[in-house]
Amino acid sequence: MNSRAKVLMLQGTGSHVGKSILVTALCRIFKQEGYRVAPFKAQNMALNSFVTKDGGEIGRAQVVQAQACGIEPVVDMNPILLKPTTDYGSQVIVLGKPVGTLPVERYWQYKETLREVVRSSLERLRSQYDLILIEGAGSPAEINLRAHDIVNMSVAHMANAPVLLVGDIDRGGVFAWLVGTLELLTPEDRERIRGFIINKFRGRKEILKPGLDFLESKTGRPVLGVIPFFKDFKIPDEDSVSLYENKPQTQQNLTSGSQTPDLQIEVIQLPRISNFTDFDPLKSEPDVQLRYIQHGSESLHPDLLILPGTKNTIADLLYLKSHGFVEALQACLRRGGTILGICGGYQMLGKKIYDPEHVEGFETQAEGLGFLNTVTTLLSPKITRQVKAIHRKTGIRISGYEIHMGRTEVLEPYEPVFEVYEPTEPSTPSASHPRQTWVDGLQNSEQTVWGTYIHGLFDNDLFRRTFLDQLREKKGLKPLKDVQYVLDLDQELDRLAELMKKNLDMTQIYRLLEL
């Protein structure tokens, strides 16, 4: 192959039309064909993030795409990550490290500096791979954002990339979206669009043919794929939009005639919930019913009530208090349930939270929920690292990652939950390379409330099963003991690739790439 990689870009008629999953599928398809392929998204706005091996923070979608490529994720795949803290500002992460929390006006000014960051990251990837699959964000036809664009058409021009435009037919109006998007682009940008992909189609394709014929005649561009609606692939979602879209289905599961699973687990759906993929493995356990709830009154006597991570701990803590969750948490304990807090949720369980540097918002302090005797102070720099740990009670080894700006102080003698060490530490400590360890997490004396900073706990199969068995025994049920569910992500990605190959015109896509 050439020393400089080929490029293909997928843009969308709007957010959540399926760009990320399509890029993921194409990554796997080209990997299967023997190409060295990598993903790229210049700017991602998401609260689901991940920590790379060198401690950089990037969007979760690019991590999954890297896994589809069979490569290690690096910060160049997502050089700019925005994590909204309020309706008007976001924490800005550049090349894996936070540079501050900026209101939108200041961020627009800062974008001119970031163009070169985007260019440099893209060029580094192009020098290492045969093919770069680029994902846009939102829509390229946002008139008010065009002058400040560093993720859609500006990147397409920067890379000289052909663009495929993706539309979501499940929402209705897909032909108006596709044609309207083209009409709103400048002539130069419009030339970049080389074809369409229609996503999330339900029904027989022959019924759609008159619309496809009209679209191709009207625009002079081919439809390169009609992707059927699918929902049975266990591939992590990019962001919490999916929680709102899937909520009615989750409620329906509870009222169906099927037998209710033994364990009821609820996750509080905070307004700024982050890393909700922590709980995806629980959804697939045969003895678990997992629900997301938005008000304390929705709680239905869970065996486990989870406070997840959040990008704004104090603001979401106030949300908890105003939406009946204090009563729901207390009721959970009264009925013999367990409470778990992860990251921001762990911080909320304590006595006080301080934010003297305004790391997350305008409030400088707040009273915590008071379930644990801790005080948390939000401070920079941000802690981002992959970790390995030992669960002290069972001796089970786990791996995970930390992403937080809080430092939590325990105000009484306590038994920590985990002994933690970074995976970069030598496996055999020596005098010159002693293993650096620390402790993480806390549980109350009754072992009914506990918290941790470690994300990805439930990705560890043995720990997850042991933890669920402890809930079963607490409820008077027999433990299952054997691991019931193991995610084979590679198998899921291969299944996804096969579905896409059946419904995409890969011959035309290869022609676009001159491969």
Protein backbone atom coordinates (compact mmCIF):
# COMPACT_ATOMS: atom_id res chain seq x y z
CA MET A 1 0.00 0.00 0.00
CA ASN A 2 0.95 3.65 -0.26
CA SER A 3 2.85 5.22 2.62
CA ARG A 4 -0.07 7.59 3.18
CA ALA A 5 -3.37 5.91 4.01
CA LYS A 6 -6.54 6.07 1.93
CA VAL A 7 -9.50 7.74 3.66
CA LEU A 8 -13.27 7.38 3.70
CA MET A 9 -15.61 9.53 5.77
CA LEU A 10 -19.12 8.86 7.08
CA GLN A 11 -21.27 11.86 7.92
CA GLY A 12 -24.89 11.91 9.01
CA THR A 13 -28.11 13.83 8.57
CA GLY A 14 -28.09 14.27 12.36
CA SER A 15 -26.91 12.78 15.64
CA HIS A 16 -27.52 9.14 16.50
CA VAL A 17 -28.33 8.05 12.95
CA GLY A 18 -25.80 5.20 13.12
CA LYS A 19 -22.48 6.68 11.98
CA SER A 20 -20.49 5.08 14.80
CA ILE A 21 -21.81 1.55 14.34
CA LEU A 22 -21.35 1.77 10.56
CA VAL A 23 -17.74 2.90 10.95
CA THR A 24 -17.26 0.05 13.43
CA ALA A 25 -18.62 -2.44 10.91
CA LEU A 26 -16.45 -1.08 8.08
CA CYS A 27 -13.40 -1.23 10.34
CA ARG A 28 -14.02 -4.94 10.88
CA ILE A 29 -14.78 -5.61 7.20
CA PHE A 30 -11.53 -4.03 5.99
CA LYS A 31 -9.56 -5.74 8.76
CA GLN A 32 -10.98 -9.07 7.59
CA GLU A 33 -9.76 -8.20 4.10
CA GLY A 34 -6.23 -7.79 5.42
CA TYR A 35 -5.94 -4.00 5.47
CA ARG A 36 -4.29 -2.11 8.30
CA VAL A 37 -7.20 0.14 9.22
CA ALA A 38 -7.82 2.68 11.99
CA PRO A 39 -10.74 4.93 13.04
CA PHE A 40 -10.69 8.70 13.42
CA LYS A 41 -13.12 11.23 14.84
CA ALA A 42 -11.71 14.72 15.19
CA GLN A 43 -14.14 15.89 17.87
CA ASN A 44 -16.45 13.76 19.94
CA MET A 45 -19.05 14.99 22.42
CA ALA A 46 -19.77 12.12 24.79
CA LEU A 47 -19.85 11.26 28.48
CA ASN A 48 -18.89 7.66 27.71
CA SER A 49 -15.11 7.69 27.66
CA PHE A 50 -12.22 5.30 28.10
CA VAL A 51 -8.61 5.47 29.22
CA THR A 52 -5.86 4.36 26.86
CA LYS A 53 -2.80 2.47 28.04
CA ASP A 54 -0.79 5.68 28.30
CA GLY A 55 -3.49 7.38 30.41
CA GLY A 56 -5.24 9.40 27.71
CA GLU A 57 -9.01 9.85 27.68
CA ILE A 58 -10.95 9.33 24.44
CA GLY A 59 -14.51 8.62 23.36
CA ARG A 60 -15.76 5.09 23.91
CA ALA A 61 -16.95 4.78 20.30
CA GLN A 62 -13.41 5.09 18.95
CA VAL A 63 -12.26 2.42 21.42
CA VAL A 64 -14.83 -0.04 20.06
CA GLN A 65 -13.85 0.92 16.51
CA ALA A 66 -10.18 0.27 17.35
CA GLN A 67 -11.17 -3.14 18.70
CA ALA A 68 -12.94 -3.81 15.41
CA CYS A 69 -9.65 -2.98 13.67
CA GLY A 70 -7.74 -5.30 16.00
CA ILE A 71 -5.50 -2.48 17.27
CA GLU A 72 -4.85 -0.67 20.52
CA PRO A 73 -6.80 2.62 20.91
CA VAL A 74 -4.69 5.79 21.04
CA VAL A 75 -5.55 9.46 21.57
CA ASP A 76 -4.93 10.35 17.90
CA MET A 77 -8.12 8.44 17.04
CA ASN A 78 -10.14 11.06 18.95
CA PRO A 79 -7.89 14.09 19.53
CA ILE A 80 -10.70 16.28 20.93
CA LEU A 81 -13.29 15.05 23.40
CA LEU A 82 -15.99 17.31 24.84
CA LYS A 83 -17.71 16.23 28.06
CA PRO A 84 -20.69 18.53 28.77
CA THR A 85 -20.85 19.75 32.36
CA THR A 86 -23.73 22.22 31.89
CA ASP A 87 -26.07 23.25 29.07
CA TYR A 88 -23.57 25.97 28.15
CA GLY A 89 -20.12 24.49 28.67
CA SER A 90 -17.99 21.38 28.47
CA GLN A 91 -14.76 20.00 29.78
CA VAL A 92 -12.40 20.07 26.80
CA ILE A 93 -9.98 17.16 26.49
CA VAL A 94 -7.19 17.50 23.93
CA LEU A 95 -4.97 14.55 23.06
CA GLY A 96 -6.29 12.71 26.08
CA LYS A 97 -5.77 15.44 28.70
CA PRO A 98 -8.22 18.08 30.00
CA VAL A 99 -7.34 21.68 29.19
CA GLY A 100 -10.26 23.27 31.08
CA THR A 101 -14.01 23.68 31.22
CA LEU A 102 -15.04 26.24 28.61
CA PRO A 103 -18.32 27.95 27.67
CA VAL A 104 -19.23 27.56 24.03
CA GLU A 105 -18.06 31.07 23.03
CA ARG A 106 -14.56 30.51 24.43
CA TYR A 107 -14.41 27.09 22.87
CA TRP A 108 -15.21 28.53 19.44
CA GLN A 109 -12.24 30.89 19.82
CA TYR A 110 -10.03 27.99 20.91
CA LYS A 111 -11.03 25.89 17.90
CA GLU A 112 -8.65 27.71 15.56
CA THR A 113 -5.77 26.37 17.65
CA LEU A 114 -7.29 22.89 17.56
CA ARG A 115 -7.35 22.65 13.76
CA GLU A 116 -3.64 21.87 13.73
CA VAL A 117 -4.13 19.30 16.50
CA VAL A 118 -6.72 17.56 14.31
CA ARG A 119 -4.48 17.73 11.25
CA SER A 120 -1.46 16.35 13.11
CA SER A 121 -3.38 13.44 14.63
CA LEU A 122 -4.87 12.50 11.27
CA GLU A 123 -1.50 12.65 9.53
CA ARG A 124 0.13 10.48 12.20
CA LEU A 125 -2.53 7.84 11.67
CA ARG A 126 -2.24 8.07 7.88
CA SER A 127 1.49 7.41 8.13
CA GLN A 128 0.90 4.19 10.08
CA TYR A 129 -2.07 2.53 8.36
CA ASP A 130 -3.43 1.61 4.93
CA LEU A 131 -6.91 3.05 5.49
CA ILE A 132 -8.47 5.57 7.87
CA LEU A 133 -12.25 5.50 8.41
CA ILE A 134 -13.36 8.94 9.54
CA GLU A 135 -16.57 9.64 11.45
CA GLY A 136 -18.29 13.00 11.43
CA ALA A 137 -20.49 14.44 14.19
CA GLY A 138 -24.10 15.54 14.08
CA SER A 139 -24.85 17.04 10.66
CA PRO A 140 -22.57 18.88 8.20
CA ALA A 141 -25.50 21.18 7.34
CA GLU A 142 -25.69 23.06 10.66
CA ILE A 143 -25.53 26.60 9.29
CA ASN A 144 -24.68 28.23 12.62
CA LEU A 145 -21.74 25.87 13.19
CA ARG A 146 -20.20 25.87 9.72
CA ALA A 147 -17.67 28.64 10.35
CA HIS A 148 -16.30 26.81 13.39
CA ASP A 149 -16.42 23.27 11.99
CA ILE A 150 -13.48 21.01 12.82
CA VAL A 151 -15.21 17.63 12.61
CA ASN A 152 -17.30 17.40 9.42
CA MET A 153 -16.57 18.96 6.03
CA SER A 154 -13.45 20.77 7.21
CA VAL A 155 -11.94 17.35 7.98
CA ALA A 156 -13.19 15.91 4.69
CA HIS A 157 -11.39 18.70 2.81
CA MET A 158 -8.33 18.37 5.04
CA ALA A 159 -8.09 14.65 4.21
CA ASN A 160 -9.45 14.96 0.65
CA ALA A 161 -11.93 12.26 1.66
CA PRO A 162 -15.00 10.99 -0.21
CA VAL A 163 -18.05 11.17 2.06
CA LEU A 164 -20.99 8.81 2.50
CA LEU A 165 -24.07 10.42 4.02
CA VAL A 166 -26.03 8.31 6.54
CA GLY A 167 -29.73 8.79 7.27
CA ASP A 168 -32.00 7.12 9.84
CA ILE A 169 -35.25 5.96 8.24
CA ASP A 170 -36.68 4.70 11.54
CA ARG A 171 -37.29 8.29 12.64
CA GLY A 172 -39.21 9.11 9.46
CA GLY A 173 -38.49 11.73 6.79
CA VAL A 174 -35.20 10.20 5.67
CA PHE A 175 -35.53 11.36 2.03
CA ALA A 176 -36.17 14.95 3.13
CA TRP A 177 -33.20 14.70 5.49
CA LEU A 178 -30.85 13.43 2.81
CA VAL A 179 -31.98 15.82 0.06
CA GLY A 180 -32.23 18.74 2.50
CA THR A 181 -28.74 18.12 3.81
CA LEU A 182 -27.34 18.24 0.30
CA GLU A 183 -29.25 21.43 -0.49
CA LEU A 184 -27.87 23.20 2.57
CA LEU A 185 -24.24 22.39 1.79
CA THR A 186 -22.01 24.70 -0.20
CA PRO A 187 -21.26 23.50 -3.77
CA GLU A 188 -17.73 22.57 -2.71
CA ASP A 189 -19.00 20.53 0.25
CA ARG A 190 -21.77 18.96 -1.82
CA GLU A 191 -19.16 17.57 -4.23
CA ARG A 192 -17.72 15.55 -1.35
CA ILE A 193 -20.92 13.51 -0.93
CA ARG A 194 -20.47 10.41 -3.08
CA GLY A 195 -23.37 8.26 -1.94
CA PHE A 196 -26.02 7.52 0.68
CA ILE A 197 -26.57 4.84 3.32
CA ILE A 198 -30.07 4.43 4.74
CA ASN A 199 -29.98 2.95 8.24
CA LYS A 200 -32.51 1.24 10.56
CA PHE A 201 -34.97 0.08 7.91
CA ARG A 202 -37.85 -2.18 8.98
CA GLY A 203 -39.67 -4.16 6.31
CA ARG A 204 -39.12 -5.44 2.78
CA LYS A 205 -36.67 -3.47 0.67
CA GLU A 206 -38.78 -3.70 -2.49
CA ILE A 207 -41.34 -1.42 -0.82
CA LEU A 208 -38.59 1.19 -0.49
CA LYS A 209 -37.49 1.02 -4.14
CA PRO A 210 -39.59 3.97 -5.46
CA GLY A 211 -38.05 6.20 -2.81
CA LEU A 212 -34.53 5.00 -3.62
CA ASP A 213 -35.08 5.57 -7.34
CA PHE A 214 -36.33 9.09 -6.67
CA LEU A 215 -33.40 9.86 -4.35
CA GLU A 216 -30.82 8.73 -6.89
CA SER A 217 -32.58 10.60 -9.73
CA LYS A 218 -33.00 13.77 -7.68
CA THR A 219 -29.42 13.93 -6.37
CA GLY A 220 -27.39 12.03 -8.98
CA ARG A 221 -25.82 9.97 -6.22
CA PRO A 222 -26.20 6.24 -5.56
CA VAL A 223 -27.66 4.57 -2.49
CA LEU A 224 -24.84 2.29 -1.37
CA GLY A 225 -26.75 0.45 1.31
CA VAL A 226 -30.03 -0.05 3.14
CA ILE A 227 -29.25 -1.41 6.59
CA PRO A 228 -32.01 -3.35 8.40
CA PHE A 229 -33.00 -2.34 11.91
CA PHE A 230 -31.11 -4.51 14.39
CA LYS A 231 -30.86 -4.57 18.17
CA ASP A 232 -29.44 -7.96 19.17
CA PHE A 233 -25.75 -7.12 18.89
CA LYS A 234 -23.91 -6.76 22.20
CA ILE A 235 -21.72 -3.84 21.14
CA PRO A 236 -21.31 -0.90 23.57
CA ASP A 237 -23.41 2.19 22.81
CA GLU A 238 -21.67 5.47 22.14
CA ASP A 239 -23.68 7.65 24.51
CA SER A 240 -26.70 7.89 26.78
CA VAL A 241 -29.15 8.82 23.99
CA SER A 242 -29.75 5.07 23.69
CA LEU A 243 -30.97 4.93 27.29
CA TYR A 244 -33.84 7.28 26.50
CA GLU A 245 -34.68 5.48 23.27
CA ASN A 246 -34.71 2.03 24.90
CA LYS A 247 -36.56 2.98 28.08
CA PRO A 248 -40.08 1.98 26.94
CA GLN A 249 -38.82 -1.45 25.95
CA THR A 250 -37.21 -1.91 29.35
CA GLN A 251 -40.49 -1.09 31.07
CA GLN A 252 -42.33 -3.55 28.83
CA ASN A 253 -40.04 -6.36 29.92
CA LEU A 254 -41.31 -5.95 33.47
CA THR A 255 -44.96 -6.27 32.53
CA SER A 256 -44.65 -9.17 30.08
CA GLY A 257 -45.85 -12.65 30.92
CA SER A 258 -42.33 -14.06 31.18
CA GLN A 259 -40.91 -15.07 34.54
CA THR A 260 -39.27 -12.24 36.45
CA PRO A 261 -35.53 -12.81 36.98
CA ASP A 262 -34.31 -13.48 40.52
CA LEU A 263 -32.33 -10.25 40.94
CA GLN A 264 -33.72 -6.76 40.38
CA ILE A 265 -31.07 -4.11 39.70
CA GLU A 266 -31.80 -0.43 39.13
CA VAL A 267 -29.43 2.26 37.85
CA ILE A 268 -30.23 5.90 38.54
CA GLN A 269 -30.30 7.64 35.16
CA LEU A 270 -28.60 10.90 36.11
CA PRO A 271 -28.92 13.85 33.71
CA ARG A 272 -25.14 13.78 33.14
CA ILE A 273 -24.63 10.03 33.50
CA SER A 274 -21.23 8.88 32.27
CA ASN A 275 -19.82 5.48 31.39
CA PHE A 276 -23.18 3.74 31.65
CA THR A 277 -21.60 0.90 29.65
CA ASP A 278 -20.27 -0.20 33.06
CA PHE A 279 -23.60 -1.98 33.49
CA ASP A 280 -24.04 -3.55 30.06
CA PRO A 281 -22.71 -6.96 31.21
CA LEU A 282 -25.40 -7.10 33.91
CA LYS A 283 -28.13 -6.85 31.25
CA SER A 284 -27.06 -10.17 29.77
CA GLU A 285 -27.04 -12.17 33.00
CA PRO A 286 -29.93 -14.68 33.01
CA ASP A 287 -30.87 -13.99 36.63
CA VAL A 288 -30.84 -10.17 36.38
CA GLN A 289 -33.49 -7.61 35.41
CA LEU A 290 -31.70 -4.27 34.87
CA ARG A 291 -33.67 -1.02 34.74
CA TYR A 292 -32.74 2.66 34.45
CA ILE A 293 -34.93 4.98 36.51
CA GLN A 294 -35.29 8.76 36.41
CA HIS A 295 -37.31 9.37 39.59
CA GLY A 296 -37.26 7.78 42.99
CA SER A 297 -40.93 6.88 42.67
CA GLU A 298 -40.03 4.50 39.82
CA SER A 299 -37.96 2.30 42.15
CA LEU A 300 -39.47 -1.18 42.55
CA HIS A 301 -37.77 -2.72 45.62
CA PRO A 302 -34.40 -3.51 43.95
CA ASP A 303 -31.83 -5.92 45.33
CA LEU A 304 -29.17 -3.48 44.11
CA LEU A 305 -29.52 0.26 43.48
CA ILE A 306 -26.59 1.82 41.60
CA LEU A 307 -25.42 5.44 41.57
CA PRO A 308 -23.36 5.66 38.35
CA GLY A 309 -20.63 8.03 37.25
CA THR A 310 -21.47 11.60 36.31
CA LYS A 311 -19.73 14.55 34.65
CA ASN A 312 -21.15 17.00 37.22
CA THR A 313 -21.29 15.43 40.66
CA ILE A 314 -22.80 18.33 42.59
CA ALA A 315 -25.45 19.18 39.98
CA ASP A 316 -26.53 15.54 39.72
CA LEU A 317 -26.49 15.21 43.51
CA LEU A 318 -29.00 18.06 43.68
CA TYR A 319 -31.04 16.25 41.03
CA LEU A 320 -31.10 13.14 43.22
CA LYS A 321 -32.38 15.09 46.18
CA SER A 322 -35.11 16.85 44.19
CA HIS A 323 -36.34 13.69 42.43
CA GLY A 324 -37.13 11.44 45.37
CA PHE A 325 -33.98 9.35 45.33
CA VAL A 326 -33.00 9.90 48.96
CA GLU A 327 -36.22 8.16 49.97
CA ALA A 328 -35.67 5.44 47.35
CA LEU A 329 -32.14 4.74 48.63
CA GLN A 330 -33.33 4.57 52.24
CA ALA A 331 -36.19 2.26 51.24
CA CYS A 332 -33.76 0.00 49.40
CA LEU A 333 -31.72 -0.49 52.57
CA ARG A 334 -34.80 -1.00 54.75
CA ARG A 335 -35.91 -3.83 52.49
CA GLY A 336 -32.52 -5.54 52.64
CA GLY A 337 -31.08 -4.20 49.39
CA THR A 338 -27.57 -3.03 48.57
CA ILE A 339 -26.36 0.36 47.32
CA LEU A 340 -23.35 0.75 45.04
CA GLY A 341 -21.74 4.03 43.94
CA ILE A 342 -19.19 4.17 41.12
CA CYS A 343 -16.94 7.21 40.63
CA GLY A 344 -19.28 10.25 40.93
CA GLY A 345 -21.86 8.00 42.57
CA TYR A 346 -19.25 7.00 45.15
CA GLN A 347 -18.57 10.67 45.86
CA MET A 348 -22.30 11.39 46.36
CA LEU A 349 -22.60 8.68 49.02
CA GLY A 350 -20.30 10.64 51.35
CA LYS A 351 -20.90 13.51 53.77
CA LYS A 352 -19.58 16.47 51.73
CA ILE A 353 -18.38 17.39 48.26
CA TYR A 354 -16.20 20.45 47.70
CA ASP A 355 -15.34 22.07 44.37
CA PRO A 356 -13.06 24.99 45.31
CA GLU A 357 -11.59 25.33 41.79
CA HIS A 358 -15.01 25.21 40.05
CA VAL A 359 -13.83 22.08 38.27
CA GLU A 360 -17.37 21.01 37.37
CA GLY A 361 -19.64 24.00 37.84
CA PHE A 362 -20.64 27.09 39.81
CA GLU A 363 -21.38 25.40 43.16
CA THR A 364 -18.41 25.22 45.51
CA GLN A 365 -19.81 22.65 47.96
CA ALA A 366 -22.78 20.44 48.69
CA GLU A 367 -24.02 18.13 51.43
CA GLY A 368 -23.65 14.52 50.34
CA LEU A 369 -26.16 11.73 50.89
CA GLY A 370 -24.40 10.72 54.12
CA PHE A 371 -24.36 6.94 53.62
CA LEU A 372 -20.55 6.80 53.89
CA ASN A 373 -18.29 8.78 56.22
CA THR A 374 -16.22 10.44 53.50
CA VAL A 375 -15.44 13.90 52.14
CA THR A 376 -14.56 14.47 48.48
CA THR A 377 -12.72 17.47 47.03
CA LEU A 378 -12.74 18.01 43.27
CA LEU A 379 -9.27 19.05 42.13
CA SER A 380 -7.12 19.13 39.02
CA PRO A 381 -5.21 17.39 37.57
CA LYS A 382 -7.60 14.71 36.38
CA ILE A 383 -6.75 11.12 37.24
CA THR A 384 -6.97 8.87 34.17
CA ARG A 385 -5.36 5.45 34.30
CA GLN A 386 -5.92 1.81 33.58
CA VAL A 387 -5.64 -0.30 36.72
CA LYS A 388 -5.57 -3.85 37.92
CA ALA A 389 -6.84 -4.67 41.39
CA ILE A 390 -7.52 -7.43 43.88
CA HIS A 391 -10.92 -7.62 45.56
CA ARG A 392 -9.80 -7.97 49.16
CA LYS A 393 -12.77 -9.99 50.39
CA THR A 394 -12.61 -12.70 47.72
CA GLY A 395 -9.08 -12.39 46.32
CA ILE A 396 -10.48 -12.09 42.79
CA ARG A 397 -8.29 -10.12 40.39
CA ILE A 398 -9.96 -7.54 38.16
CA SER A 399 -8.96 -4.93 35.59
CA GLY A 400 -10.61 -1.57 34.97
CA TYR A 401 -9.88 2.12 34.67
CA GLU A 402 -10.24 5.38 36.58
CA ILE A 403 -11.47 8.74 35.26
CA HIS A 404 -12.08 11.32 37.99
CA MET A 405 -11.05 14.67 39.42
CA GLY A 406 -12.19 13.86 42.96
CA ARG A 407 -9.96 12.98 45.91
CA THR A 408 -11.97 11.16 48.56
CA GLU A 409 -10.91 11.19 52.22
CA VAL A 410 -12.29 8.60 54.63
CA LEU A 411 -13.00 10.10 58.06
CA GLU A 412 -12.75 6.89 60.12
CA PRO A 413 -10.81 3.61 60.15
CA TYR A 414 -12.16 1.42 57.37
CA GLU A 415 -11.70 -1.73 55.34
CA PRO A 416 -11.04 -0.84 51.68
CA VAL A 417 -12.71 -2.84 48.91
CA PHE A 418 -9.79 -3.16 46.47
CA GLU A 419 -6.03 -3.17 46.48
CA VAL A 420 -5.03 -1.44 43.25
CA TYR A 421 -1.92 -1.22 41.12
CA GLU A 422 -1.32 0.15 37.65
CA PRO A 423 -0.79 -2.52 34.97
CA THR A 424 2.45 -0.86 33.92
CA GLU A 425 4.00 -1.97 37.18
CA PRO A 426 6.46 -4.88 36.81
CA SER A 427 4.91 -8.30 37.44
CA THR A 428 7.90 -9.25 39.59
CA PRO A 429 8.73 -6.38 41.98
CA SER A 430 12.36 -5.77 42.82
CA ALA A 431 14.33 -3.35 44.94
CA SER A 432 14.80 -1.05 41.94
CA HIS A 433 11.20 -1.48 40.72
CA PRO A 434 8.94 -1.88 43.76
CA ARG A 435 5.27 -2.42 43.00
CA GLN A 436 3.28 0.74 43.69
CA THR A 437 -0.07 -0.13 45.22
CA TRP A 438 -2.88 1.77 46.87
CA VAL A 439 -6.35 1.00 48.14
CA ASP A 440 -9.68 1.96 46.64
CA GLY A 441 -13.28 1.92 47.70
CA LEU A 442 -15.15 1.77 50.97
CA GLN A 443 -18.11 -0.09 52.43
CA ASN A 444 -20.10 0.57 55.57
CA SER A 445 -19.91 -1.75 58.58
CA GLU A 446 -23.11 -3.57 57.56
CA GLN A 447 -21.67 -4.13 54.04
CA THR A 448 -24.89 -2.76 52.53
CA VAL A 449 -23.41 0.42 51.02
CA TRP A 450 -20.15 0.56 49.13
CA GLY A 451 -18.37 2.67 46.55
CA THR A 452 -15.38 2.61 44.24
CA TYR A 453 -13.60 4.72 41.65
CA ILE A 454 -13.00 1.76 39.32
CA HIS A 455 -14.97 1.67 36.07
CA GLY A 456 -15.40 -1.61 34.22
CA LEU A 457 -15.92 -3.75 37.33
CA PHE A 458 -18.64 -5.86 35.78
CA ASP A 459 -16.64 -6.55 32.63
CA ASN A 460 -14.73 -9.02 34.83
CA ASP A 461 -16.73 -12.24 34.51
CA LEU A 462 -15.70 -14.01 37.73
CA PHE A 463 -16.08 -10.89 39.87
CA ARG A 464 -19.48 -10.13 38.34
CA ARG A 465 -20.78 -13.65 38.99
CA THR A 466 -19.41 -13.70 42.54
CA PHE A 467 -20.94 -10.31 43.27
CA LEU A 468 -24.34 -11.40 41.92
CA ASP A 469 -24.15 -14.64 43.92
CA GLN A 470 -23.61 -12.58 47.07
CA LEU A 471 -26.82 -10.70 46.27
CA ARG A 472 -28.56 -14.03 45.71
CA GLU A 473 -27.41 -15.43 49.05
CA LYS A 474 -28.45 -12.23 50.80
CA LYS A 475 -31.91 -12.80 49.32
CA GLY A 476 -31.99 -16.44 50.42
CA LEU A 477 -31.36 -17.83 46.93
CA LYS A 478 -28.89 -20.51 45.95
CA PRO A 479 -25.75 -19.12 44.25
CA LEU A 480 -25.22 -20.10 40.62
CA LYS A 481 -21.40 -20.19 41.11
CA ASP A 482 -20.43 -20.81 37.47
CA VAL A 483 -20.00 -17.81 35.16
CA GLN A 484 -23.26 -17.53 33.23
CA TYR A 485 -22.33 -15.01 30.55
CA VAL A 486 -19.11 -14.18 28.71
CA LEU A 487 -19.02 -11.46 26.06
CA ASP A 488 -17.08 -12.40 22.95
CA LEU A 489 -16.78 -8.95 21.39
CA ASP A 490 -14.82 -10.24 18.42
CA GLN A 491 -17.64 -12.63 17.60
CA GLU A 492 -20.18 -9.80 17.86
CA LEU A 493 -18.06 -7.61 15.59
CA ASP A 494 -17.77 -10.41 13.04
CA ARG A 495 -21.57 -10.86 13.10
CA LEU A 496 -21.98 -7.11 12.57
CA ALA A 497 -19.56 -7.16 9.64
CA GLU A 498 -21.46 -10.03 7.99
CA LEU A 499 -24.75 -8.15 8.30
CA MET A 500 -23.25 -5.04 6.75
CA LYS A 501 -21.56 -6.90 3.89
CA LYS A 502 -24.96 -8.32 2.92
CA ASN A 503 -26.53 -4.85 2.83
CA LEU A 504 -23.76 -2.53 1.61
CA ASP A 505 -22.48 -2.20 -1.94
CA MET A 506 -18.89 -2.96 -0.99
CA THR A 507 -17.83 -3.06 -4.66
CA GLN A 508 -18.71 0.63 -5.07
CA ILE A 509 -17.11 1.48 -1.73
CA TYR A 510 -13.88 -0.18 -2.86
CA ARG A 511 -14.04 1.85 -6.07
CA LEU A 512 -14.43 5.07 -4.08
CA LEU A 513 -11.27 4.17 -2.20
CA GLU A 514 -9.45 3.06 -5.34
CA LEU A 515 -8.62 -0.23 -3.63
